N, C-alpha and C. Protein backbone atom coordinates (compact mmCIF):
# COMPACT_ATOMS: atom_id res chain seq x y z
N MET A 1 -8.75 -6.74 -3.23
CA MET A 1 -9.87 -7.42 -2.76
C MET A 1 -11.08 -8.00 -2.96
N GLU A 2 -12.15 -6.51 -3.55
CA GLU A 2 -13.09 -7.09 -4.23
C GLU A 2 -13.02 -8.16 -5.06
N MET A 3 -12.26 -7.74 -5.91
CA MET A 3 -12.13 -8.76 -7.45
C MET A 3 -11.87 -10.14 -6.74
N LYS A 4 -10.56 -10.50 -6.06
CA LYS A 4 -10.82 -11.75 -5.12
C LYS A 4 -11.63 -12.29 -4.92
N LEU A 5 -12.74 -11.43 -4.20
CA LEU A 5 -13.68 -12.55 -3.37
C LEU A 5 -14.53 -13.04 -4.18
N MET A 6 -14.63 -11.68 -5.45
CA MET A 6 -15.74 -12.57 -6.82
C MET A 6 -15.34 -13.53 -7.50
N ARG A 7 -14.47 -13.62 -7.53
CA ARG A 7 -13.42 -14.40 -8.49
C ARG A 7 -13.59 -15.95 -7.56
N HIS A 8 -13.43 -15.85 -6.44
CA HIS A 8 -13.40 -16.78 -5.25
C HIS A 8 -14.93 -17.37 -5.45
N GLN A 9 -16.08 -16.51 -5.23
CA GLN A 9 -17.21 -17.03 -5.90
C GLN A 9 -17.45 -17.47 -7.31
N ASP A 10 -16.73 -16.87 -8.26
CA ASP A 10 -16.87 -17.59 -9.44
C ASP A 10 -16.24 -19.13 -9.79
N HIS A 11 -15.07 -19.25 -9.03
CA HIS A 11 -14.28 -20.31 -9.23
C HIS A 11 -13.89 -21.38 -8.26
N ASP A 12 -14.76 -20.97 -6.98
CA ASP A 12 -14.24 -21.82 -5.84
C ASP A 12 -13.05 -21.84 -5.70
N ASP A 13 -12.28 -21.07 -5.53
CA ASP A 13 -10.29 -21.42 -5.35
C ASP A 13 -10.09 -20.87 -3.71
N ASP A 14 -10.35 -21.75 -3.34
CA ASP A 14 -9.76 -21.47 -1.74
C ASP A 14 -8.61 -20.68 -1.79
N ASP A 15 -7.28 -21.00 -2.26
CA ASP A 15 -6.44 -20.48 -2.35
C ASP A 15 -6.52 -18.45 -2.47
N GLU A 16 -7.32 -18.51 -3.33
CA GLU A 16 -7.03 -17.24 -4.04
C GLU A 16 -7.89 -16.53 -3.04
N PHE A 17 -8.63 -16.95 -2.23
CA PHE A 17 -9.62 -16.22 -1.30
C PHE A 17 -8.58 -15.93 -0.24
N LEU A 18 -7.94 -17.02 0.25
CA LEU A 18 -7.32 -17.04 1.36
C LEU A 18 -5.96 -16.03 1.27
N GLN A 19 -5.80 -15.35 0.09
CA GLN A 19 -4.66 -14.64 -0.32
C GLN A 19 -4.91 -13.40 0.23
N ASN A 20 -6.53 -13.04 0.86
CA ASN A 20 -6.92 -11.73 1.37
C ASN A 20 -6.34 -11.52 2.77
N LEU A 21 -5.66 -12.79 3.35
CA LEU A 21 -5.46 -13.12 5.32
C LEU A 21 -4.28 -12.98 5.25
N PRO A 22 -3.75 -12.44 6.06
CA PRO A 22 -4.51 -11.56 7.32
C PRO A 22 -4.70 -10.44 6.69
N LEU A 23 -5.80 -9.87 7.02
CA LEU A 23 -5.97 -8.39 7.31
C LEU A 23 -4.87 -7.45 7.63
N LYS A 24 -4.60 -6.46 6.56
CA LYS A 24 -3.61 -5.61 7.15
C LYS A 24 -3.78 -3.77 7.38
N THR A 25 -4.93 -3.34 7.22
CA THR A 25 -5.83 -2.33 7.41
C THR A 25 -7.18 -2.04 7.53
N MET A 26 -7.66 -1.38 7.87
CA MET A 26 -9.05 -0.79 8.33
C MET A 26 -10.19 -0.98 7.14
N ASP A 27 -9.49 0.20 6.18
CA ASP A 27 -10.34 -0.43 4.95
C ASP A 27 -10.40 -2.04 4.54
N GLU A 28 -9.57 -2.92 4.36
CA GLU A 28 -9.75 -4.24 3.94
C GLU A 28 -10.60 -4.79 5.34
N PHE A 29 -10.27 -4.96 6.73
CA PHE A 29 -11.23 -5.11 7.38
C PHE A 29 -12.27 -4.66 7.33
N ASN A 30 -12.90 -3.44 7.07
CA ASN A 30 -14.03 -2.82 6.91
C ASN A 30 -15.23 -3.65 5.57
N PHE A 31 -14.01 -3.95 4.98
CA PHE A 31 -14.90 -4.25 3.64
C PHE A 31 -15.07 -5.92 3.79
N PHE A 32 -14.11 -6.24 4.00
CA PHE A 32 -14.14 -7.98 4.65
C PHE A 32 -14.95 -8.45 5.18
N ASP A 33 -15.74 -7.63 6.35
CA ASP A 33 -16.46 -7.41 7.20
C ASP A 33 -17.87 -7.21 6.77
N GLU A 34 -17.84 -6.58 5.64
CA GLU A 34 -19.75 -6.55 5.21
C GLU A 34 -19.71 -7.67 3.96
N GLU A 35 -18.50 -8.10 3.78
CA GLU A 35 -18.78 -8.98 2.58
C GLU A 35 -19.19 -10.56 3.37
N LEU A 36 -18.76 -10.17 4.60
CA LEU A 36 -19.54 -11.14 5.42
C LEU A 36 -20.55 -11.32 6.06
N ASN A 37 -21.75 -10.35 5.42
CA ASN A 37 -23.34 -10.70 5.12
C ASN A 37 -24.16 -11.54 4.16
N ASN A 38 -22.75 -11.99 3.41
CA ASN A 38 -23.05 -12.60 2.29
C ASN A 38 -22.91 -14.38 2.82
N LYS A 39 -23.88 -15.19 3.14
CA LYS A 39 -23.90 -16.19 3.52
C LYS A 39 -22.70 -17.37 2.97
N SER A 40 -22.43 -17.32 1.61
CA SER A 40 -21.78 -17.84 1.11
C SER A 40 -20.37 -17.67 1.61
N ILE A 41 -19.79 -16.50 1.18
CA ILE A 41 -18.49 -16.27 1.82
C ILE A 41 -18.33 -16.51 3.49
N ARG A 42 -19.12 -15.85 4.32
CA ARG A 42 -19.33 -16.40 5.98
C ARG A 42 -18.90 -17.79 5.65
N LYS A 43 -19.87 -18.50 5.18
CA LYS A 43 -19.36 -20.18 5.41
C LYS A 43 -17.97 -20.79 4.68
N ILE A 44 -17.55 -20.38 3.87
CA ILE A 44 -15.95 -20.13 3.34
C ILE A 44 -15.02 -19.86 4.63
N LEU A 45 -15.78 -18.68 4.74
CA LEU A 45 -14.28 -18.10 6.00
C LEU A 45 -14.59 -19.24 7.21
N HIS A 46 -15.64 -19.67 7.31
CA HIS A 46 -16.21 -20.67 8.66
C HIS A 46 -15.23 -22.47 8.58
N ASN A 47 -15.48 -22.65 7.33
CA ASN A 47 -14.68 -24.10 7.19
C ASN A 47 -13.23 -23.67 6.94
N HIS A 48 -12.63 -22.48 6.57
CA HIS A 48 -11.34 -22.08 6.96
C HIS A 48 -10.63 -22.24 8.19
N LEU A 49 -11.58 -21.26 8.99
CA LEU A 49 -11.26 -20.94 10.54
C LEU A 49 -11.52 -22.58 11.04
N THR A 50 -12.43 -23.19 10.78
CA THR A 50 -12.56 -24.31 12.13
C THR A 50 -11.46 -25.27 11.41
N GLY A 51 -10.64 -25.50 10.41
CA GLY A 51 -10.08 -26.14 9.89
C GLY A 51 -8.69 -25.82 10.70
N ILE A 52 -8.12 -25.00 11.54
CA ILE A 52 -6.98 -24.07 11.83
C ILE A 52 -6.89 -25.41 13.56
N GLY A 53 -5.72 -25.71 13.37
CA GLY A 53 -5.65 -26.72 14.52
C GLY A 53 -4.90 -25.96 15.47
N GLY A 54 -4.80 -26.95 16.68
CA GLY A 54 -3.68 -26.13 17.50
C GLY A 54 -3.76 -27.39 18.97
N ARG A 55 -2.34 -27.23 19.88
CA ARG A 55 -2.43 -28.11 21.09
C ARG A 55 -3.33 -28.15 21.86
N ASP A 56 -4.18 -26.43 22.01
CA ASP A 56 -5.15 -26.43 23.05
C ASP A 56 -6.00 -25.39 22.48
N GLY A 57 -7.15 -25.40 23.31
CA GLY A 57 -7.84 -23.78 22.97
C GLY A 57 -7.23 -22.65 23.30
N ARG A 58 -6.70 -22.30 23.84
CA ARG A 58 -5.72 -20.70 23.38
C ARG A 58 -5.03 -21.01 22.33
N ASN A 59 -4.43 -21.94 22.23
CA ASN A 59 -3.48 -21.86 20.70
C ASN A 59 -4.48 -21.88 19.74
N ILE A 60 -5.71 -22.87 19.43
CA ILE A 60 -6.49 -22.91 18.56
C ILE A 60 -7.06 -21.07 18.49
N VAL A 61 -7.68 -20.57 19.44
CA VAL A 61 -8.06 -19.33 19.15
C VAL A 61 -7.41 -18.34 19.18
N ARG A 62 -5.87 -17.99 19.23
CA ARG A 62 -4.45 -17.26 18.73
C ARG A 62 -4.43 -17.93 17.28
N SER A 63 -4.42 -19.26 16.65
CA SER A 63 -3.72 -19.20 15.41
C SER A 63 -4.99 -18.70 14.64
N ILE A 64 -6.31 -18.64 14.84
CA ILE A 64 -7.30 -18.09 14.27
C ILE A 64 -6.90 -16.44 14.17
N ALA A 65 -7.07 -15.78 15.54
CA ALA A 65 -6.77 -14.57 15.17
C ALA A 65 -5.82 -14.02 14.54
N LYS A 66 -4.31 -14.54 14.58
CA LYS A 66 -3.38 -14.79 13.93
C LYS A 66 -3.42 -14.88 12.48
N ARG A 67 -4.35 -16.01 12.13
CA ARG A 67 -4.71 -15.83 10.10
C ARG A 67 -5.85 -14.79 9.87
N LEU A 68 -6.19 -14.22 10.64
CA LEU A 68 -7.35 -12.89 10.40
C LEU A 68 -6.51 -11.43 10.48
N PHE A 69 -5.97 -11.37 11.23
CA PHE A 69 -5.08 -9.85 11.68
C PHE A 69 -3.71 -9.93 11.47
N SER A 70 -3.17 -9.12 10.60
CA SER A 70 -2.03 -8.32 11.05
C SER A 70 -1.77 -7.65 12.40
N LYS A 71 -0.50 -7.81 13.05
CA LYS A 71 -0.16 -7.19 14.43
C LYS A 71 -0.76 -5.43 14.23
N GLU A 72 -0.68 -4.81 13.17
CA GLU A 72 -0.84 -3.43 13.22
C GLU A 72 -2.56 -3.33 13.07
N LEU A 73 -2.65 -3.69 12.54
CA LEU A 73 -3.93 -3.55 12.41
C LEU A 73 -4.96 -4.48 13.61
N ALA A 74 -4.76 -5.37 13.96
CA ALA A 74 -5.17 -5.50 15.67
C ALA A 74 -5.36 -4.61 16.98
N LYS A 75 -4.29 -3.27 16.74
CA LYS A 75 -4.05 -2.44 17.58
C LYS A 75 -5.02 -1.86 17.58
N ASN A 76 -6.05 -1.64 16.60
CA ASN A 76 -7.54 -0.79 16.41
C ASN A 76 -8.47 -1.28 17.24
N PHE A 77 -8.52 -2.98 17.76
CA PHE A 77 -9.39 -3.29 18.43
C PHE A 77 -9.32 -3.63 20.08
N SER A 78 -10.30 -3.77 20.65
CA SER A 78 -10.86 -4.73 21.99
C SER A 78 -11.74 -5.43 21.84
N TRP A 79 -11.74 -6.78 22.30
CA TRP A 79 -12.66 -7.07 22.61
C TRP A 79 -14.24 -6.60 22.50
N PHE A 80 -14.41 -5.85 23.45
CA PHE A 80 -15.75 -4.89 23.85
C PHE A 80 -15.54 -3.61 23.69
N GLY A 81 -14.31 -2.93 22.93
CA GLY A 81 -14.39 -1.77 22.49
C GLY A 81 -14.03 -0.48 23.15
N GLN A 82 -13.22 -1.14 24.55
CA GLN A 82 -12.97 -0.35 25.40
C GLN A 82 -11.38 0.49 24.93
N LYS A 83 -11.18 1.38 25.53
CA LYS A 83 -10.27 2.55 25.41
C LYS A 83 -9.90 3.03 24.19
N GLY A 84 -11.23 3.38 23.61
CA GLY A 84 -11.32 3.87 22.56
C GLY A 84 -10.70 3.25 20.93
N ASN A 85 -11.40 1.91 21.58
CA ASN A 85 -10.58 1.04 20.86
C ASN A 85 -11.94 0.21 19.99
N ARG A 86 -11.93 -0.04 18.45
CA ARG A 86 -13.15 -0.43 17.85
C ARG A 86 -13.48 -1.97 18.53
N ASN A 87 -15.03 -1.94 18.59
CA ASN A 87 -15.73 -3.22 19.17
C ASN A 87 -15.91 -4.55 18.53
N LEU A 88 -14.48 -5.59 19.01
CA LEU A 88 -14.61 -6.65 17.64
C LEU A 88 -15.88 -7.60 18.02
N SER A 89 -16.31 -7.77 19.13
CA SER A 89 -17.11 -8.70 19.22
C SER A 89 -18.30 -8.59 18.51
N LEU A 90 -18.65 -7.35 18.18
CA LEU A 90 -19.85 -7.11 17.50
C LEU A 90 -19.74 -6.71 15.84
N THR A 91 -18.45 -7.26 15.34
CA THR A 91 -18.37 -7.44 13.95
C THR A 91 -18.61 -8.39 13.16
N ASN A 92 -18.77 -8.77 11.83
CA ASN A 92 -18.93 -9.85 11.34
C ASN A 92 -17.67 -10.91 11.69
N ILE A 93 -16.89 -10.67 11.64
CA ILE A 93 -15.15 -10.84 11.84
C ILE A 93 -15.20 -11.85 12.75
N GLY A 94 -15.45 -10.39 14.15
CA GLY A 94 -15.29 -11.05 15.65
C GLY A 94 -16.39 -12.33 16.09
N LYS A 95 -17.66 -12.33 15.48
CA LYS A 95 -18.77 -13.31 15.27
C LYS A 95 -18.11 -14.70 14.44
N ALA A 96 -17.42 -14.50 13.36
CA ALA A 96 -16.73 -15.58 13.05
C ALA A 96 -15.65 -15.79 13.93
N ILE A 97 -15.01 -15.22 14.59
CA ILE A 97 -14.03 -15.98 15.45
C ILE A 97 -15.04 -16.66 15.99
N MET A 98 -15.63 -16.13 17.31
CA MET A 98 -16.44 -16.88 18.36
C MET A 98 -16.65 -18.30 17.41
N ARG A 99 -17.92 -18.04 16.64
CA ARG A 99 -18.46 -19.44 15.79
C ARG A 99 -17.26 -20.48 15.48
N ALA A 100 -16.25 -20.18 14.75
CA ALA A 100 -15.21 -21.00 14.69
C ALA A 100 -14.29 -21.71 15.96
N ALA A 101 -14.22 -21.05 16.69
CA ALA A 101 -13.51 -21.52 17.97
C ALA A 101 -14.32 -21.81 18.65
N LYS A 102 -15.41 -22.47 19.43
CA LYS A 102 -16.61 -22.60 20.09
C LYS A 102 -16.19 -24.42 19.47
N ARG A 103 -15.71 -25.16 19.96
CA ARG A 103 -15.84 -26.89 19.52
C ARG A 103 -15.84 -27.36 20.77
N GLU A 104 -15.88 -28.70 20.49
CA GLU A 104 -16.31 -29.75 21.62
C GLU A 104 -15.08 -30.70 22.12
N LYS A 105 -14.07 -30.60 20.66
CA LYS A 105 -12.82 -31.27 20.94
C LYS A 105 -11.56 -30.66 20.46
N PRO A 106 -10.65 -29.78 20.98
CA PRO A 106 -10.66 -29.69 22.76
C PRO A 106 -12.02 -28.59 22.64
N VAL A 107 -12.70 -28.79 24.34
CA VAL A 107 -13.48 -28.30 24.68
C VAL A 107 -13.00 -26.76 25.05
N ILE A 108 -13.96 -25.81 24.09
CA ILE A 108 -13.32 -24.12 23.77
C ILE A 108 -14.78 -23.48 24.20
N CYS A 109 -14.83 -23.09 25.39
CA CYS A 109 -16.39 -22.68 24.96
C CYS A 109 -16.49 -20.94 25.15
N GLU A 110 -17.59 -20.25 25.00
CA GLU A 110 -17.43 -18.98 24.49
C GLU A 110 -16.55 -17.90 25.38
N ARG A 111 -16.57 -18.17 27.01
CA ARG A 111 -15.67 -17.37 27.81
C ARG A 111 -14.38 -17.83 27.36
N ASP A 112 -14.01 -18.59 27.32
CA ASP A 112 -12.53 -18.96 26.89
C ASP A 112 -11.96 -18.12 25.15
N VAL A 113 -13.31 -18.36 24.71
CA VAL A 113 -12.57 -17.44 23.33
C VAL A 113 -12.15 -15.96 23.77
N ILE A 114 -13.45 -15.38 24.62
CA ILE A 114 -13.01 -14.05 24.88
C ILE A 114 -11.87 -13.77 25.82
N HIS A 115 -11.59 -14.58 26.45
CA HIS A 115 -10.61 -14.37 27.12
C HIS A 115 -9.19 -14.16 26.39
N VAL A 116 -9.11 -15.14 25.73
CA VAL A 116 -8.20 -15.40 24.70
C VAL A 116 -7.61 -13.99 23.79
N MET A 117 -9.08 -13.85 23.18
CA MET A 117 -9.26 -12.43 21.89
C MET A 117 -8.78 -11.44 22.83
N ILE A 118 -8.78 -10.94 24.27
CA ILE A 118 -8.29 -9.88 24.85
C ILE A 118 -7.18 -9.98 25.13
N ASP A 119 -6.85 -11.21 25.31
CA ASP A 119 -5.26 -11.27 26.00
C ASP A 119 -4.42 -10.76 24.47
N PHE A 120 -5.31 -11.54 23.66
CA PHE A 120 -4.34 -11.30 22.11
C PHE A 120 -4.42 -10.07 21.83
N LEU A 121 -5.67 -9.15 22.06
CA LEU A 121 -5.33 -7.67 21.42
C LEU A 121 -4.43 -7.17 22.12
N ARG A 122 -4.85 -7.40 23.55
CA ARG A 122 -3.85 -6.31 24.32
C ARG A 122 -2.23 -6.78 24.06
N HIS A 123 -1.96 -7.60 23.76
CA HIS A 123 -0.90 -7.84 23.42
C HIS A 123 -0.17 -7.64 22.29
N CYS A 124 -1.15 -7.15 21.08
CA CYS A 124 -0.78 -6.60 19.68
C CYS A 124 -0.15 -5.59 20.00
N LYS A 125 -0.35 -4.38 21.36
CA LYS A 125 -0.67 -3.27 21.61
C LYS A 125 0.76 -3.41 22.21
N ASP A 126 0.91 -4.00 23.30
CA ASP A 126 2.12 -4.14 23.86
C ASP A 126 3.30 -4.31 23.09
N LYS A 127 3.69 -5.13 22.16
CA LYS A 127 5.09 -5.62 21.37
C LYS A 127 5.65 -4.80 21.41
N PRO A 128 5.49 -3.39 20.46
CA PRO A 128 6.43 -2.04 20.44
C PRO A 128 6.80 -1.61 21.11
N ARG A 129 6.08 -1.36 22.85
CA ARG A 129 6.37 -0.40 23.57
C ARG A 129 7.88 -1.20 24.80
N ASN A 130 7.76 -2.70 24.28
CA ASN A 130 8.57 -3.90 24.76
C ASN A 130 9.92 -3.70 24.27
N ARG A 131 9.86 -4.06 23.03
CA ARG A 131 10.91 -3.83 21.67
C ARG A 131 11.76 -2.37 22.31
N GLN A 132 10.98 -1.46 22.67
CA GLN A 132 11.36 0.09 23.05
C GLN A 132 12.69 0.00 24.21
N GLN A 133 11.75 -0.79 25.21
CA GLN A 133 12.43 -0.52 26.13
C GLN A 133 13.59 -1.87 26.31
N GLN A 134 13.43 -2.66 25.64
CA GLN A 134 14.55 -4.02 25.37
C GLN A 134 15.93 -2.91 24.85
N GLN A 135 15.88 -2.00 24.20
CA GLN A 135 16.81 -1.51 23.11
C GLN A 135 17.51 -0.46 23.76
């Protein structure tokens, strides 16, 4: 992953940068989160995430989250770090989600982003159990 990010900076190739997404492991998450301390990488991610559209605020925030996280990785997080999960809101990636999702058209405020992310992360945990009950 590190090589792809460095090559992206050298060649400015968005497709190569985006090959790292969605993140699948905690190691990938931790590395990517650390890389977002670099202003140019943070800007590239912001430009990518703000380009993600949708019908409404909820759809846009969910699309951003799905672009960044595999379902398996998302199970390790909650927005505020409750129930032994990692606190996504305090990470660089969580902050990038918040910055990219807040918009004027359609209007998406911070509270809306938080509610959608809480719901998204909670449902990532629910999926396997629901499948087992259906079988």
